[in-house]
Amino acid sequence: QVQLVESGGGLVQAGGSLRLSCAATGYIGSRFLMAWFRQALRKERERVATIDSDGTTDYTDSAKGRFTISKDNAKNTAYLEMSSLKPEDTAMYYCHLVIKPLGYTYWGQGTQVTVSS
């Protein structure tokens, strides 16, 4: 059974940085898509960034230039480096995994990021 465990959230001042980690336990294979989503209070969950097993990355417009998604295959871990944080980045951040080709999906429990102005 695959589980995702996020860490690295916290309280930071505007302009600061945080690094989120998402560790996957269990077998995830060599073909997968990992992503970070976030959900702010009273808003819908939105995708922030994705990284494919081949290293291809994609970002939502609000994340481009400020966030960097990466992965460490040996550790089955994905990261989200966030810089120049803004109060509007405040949200619960969730890790998401899709295992190819069957499309099994998993979510982490979330880690809270709060950016103070």
Protein backbone atom coordinates (compact mmCIF):
# COMPACT_ATOMS: atom_id res chain seq x y z
CA GLN A 1 0.00 0.00 0.00
CA VAL A 2 1.41 3.37 -1.05
CA GLN A 3 1.31 6.22 1.41
CA LEU A 4 2.40 9.82 0.99
CA VAL A 5 3.77 11.78 3.91
CA GLU A 6 4.24 15.52 3.57
CA SER A 7 6.38 17.72 5.74
CA GLY A 8 7.96 21.15 5.75
CA GLY A 9 4.99 23.42 6.16
CA GLY A 10 4.90 26.23 8.68
CA LEU A 11 4.56 29.92 9.31
CA VAL A 12 6.72 32.28 7.31
CA GLN A 13 6.76 35.99 6.63
CA ALA A 14 5.96 37.36 3.22
CA GLY A 15 9.02 37.17 1.01
CA GLY A 16 10.33 34.14 2.82
CA SER A 17 10.94 30.58 1.66
CA LEU A 18 9.87 27.07 2.56
CA ARG A 19 10.63 23.61 1.24
CA LEU A 20 7.94 20.99 1.31
CA SER A 21 8.72 17.29 1.10
CA CYS A 22 6.54 14.40 0.06
CA ALA A 23 7.86 10.93 0.82
CA ALA A 24 6.17 7.97 -0.81
CA THR A 25 6.30 4.64 0.97
CA GLY A 26 5.66 1.40 -0.84
CA TYR A 27 6.33 0.50 -4.42
CA ILE A 28 5.55 3.25 -6.92
CA GLY A 29 7.35 1.86 -9.96
CA SER A 30 9.32 3.79 -12.52
CA ARG A 31 6.48 5.61 -14.26
CA PHE A 32 4.51 8.08 -12.23
CA LEU A 33 3.38 11.66 -11.91
CA MET A 34 3.79 13.56 -8.69
CA ALA A 35 2.13 16.87 -8.01
CA TRP A 36 1.54 19.47 -5.38
CA PHE A 37 -1.94 20.88 -4.91
CA ARG A 38 -3.13 23.47 -2.45
CA GLN A 39 -6.43 24.44 -0.94
CA ALA A 40 -7.01 27.76 0.75
CA LEU A 41 -9.87 28.36 3.14
CA ARG A 42 -13.21 28.42 1.33
CA LYS A 43 -11.56 27.82 -2.02
CA GLU A 44 -11.27 24.86 -4.32
CA ARG A 45 -8.19 22.72 -4.40
CA GLU A 46 -5.83 23.79 -7.17
CA ARG A 47 -2.81 22.24 -8.79
CA VAL A 48 0.45 24.07 -8.13
CA ALA A 49 3.14 22.02 -9.84
CA THR A 50 3.72 18.59 -11.34
CA ILE A 51 6.74 16.47 -12.13
CA ASP A 52 6.72 13.40 -14.30
CA SER A 53 8.98 10.41 -13.75
CA ASP A 54 11.00 11.57 -16.77
CA GLY A 55 11.63 14.90 -15.04
CA THR A 56 9.22 17.02 -17.03
CA THR A 57 7.75 19.76 -14.88
CA ASP A 58 4.75 22.03 -15.12
CA TYR A 59 3.59 24.94 -13.00
CA THR A 60 0.49 26.97 -12.56
CA ASP A 61 0.97 30.61 -13.49
CA SER A 62 1.03 31.76 -9.88
CA ALA A 63 3.90 29.38 -9.12
CA LYS A 64 6.08 30.07 -12.13
CA GLY A 65 9.32 31.79 -11.22
CA ARG A 66 8.78 31.35 -7.49
CA PHE A 67 8.28 27.61 -6.92
CA THR A 68 10.41 24.69 -8.03
CA ILE A 69 9.30 21.08 -7.99
CA SER A 70 11.89 18.33 -7.94
CA LYS A 71 12.25 14.68 -7.00
CA ASP A 72 14.75 12.25 -5.63
CA ASN A 73 14.05 8.86 -7.18
CA ALA A 74 16.29 7.02 -4.73
CA LYS A 75 14.24 8.37 -1.84
CA ASN A 76 10.83 8.25 -3.56
CA THR A 77 10.50 11.85 -2.48
CA ALA A 78 9.23 14.96 -4.20
CA TYR A 79 9.99 18.48 -3.10
CA LEU A 80 8.45 21.88 -3.56
CA GLU A 81 10.82 24.77 -3.04
CA MET A 82 8.82 27.93 -2.51
CA SER A 83 10.35 31.38 -2.46
CA SER A 84 9.08 34.95 -2.50
CA LEU A 85 6.06 33.70 -0.63
CA LYS A 86 2.96 35.85 -0.51
CA PRO A 87 0.02 35.87 1.91
CA GLU A 88 -2.14 34.48 -0.91
CA ASP A 89 0.05 31.35 -0.91
CA THR A 90 -1.44 30.49 2.47
CA ALA A 91 -3.13 27.12 2.12
CA MET A 92 -3.00 23.46 2.97
CA TYR A 93 -0.59 21.86 0.54
CA TYR A 94 -1.21 18.31 -0.60
CA CYS A 95 1.00 15.85 -2.39
CA HIS A 96 -0.59 13.78 -5.13
CA LEU A 97 0.75 10.69 -6.87
CA VAL A 98 -0.48 8.94 -9.99
CA ILE A 99 1.09 5.60 -10.78
CA LYS A 100 1.18 4.80 -14.47
CA PRO A 101 -0.10 3.18 -16.57
CA LEU A 102 -3.07 2.01 -14.49
CA GLY A 103 -3.68 5.42 -12.97
CA TYR A 104 -3.73 4.51 -9.30
CA THR A 105 -3.90 7.76 -7.35
CA TYR A 106 -2.89 8.70 -3.85
CA TRP A 107 -3.10 11.81 -1.68
CA GLY A 108 -1.08 12.87 1.29
CA GLN A 109 -2.60 14.23 4.47
CA GLY A 110 -1.51 17.79 3.75
CA THR A 111 0.85 20.27 5.33
CA GLN A 112 -0.18 23.80 6.28
CA VAL A 113 1.64 26.79 4.86
CA THR A 114 0.83 30.17 6.36
CA VAL A 115 2.40 33.35 5.03
CA SER A 116 2.04 36.44 7.18
CA SER A 117 2.09 39.95 5.76
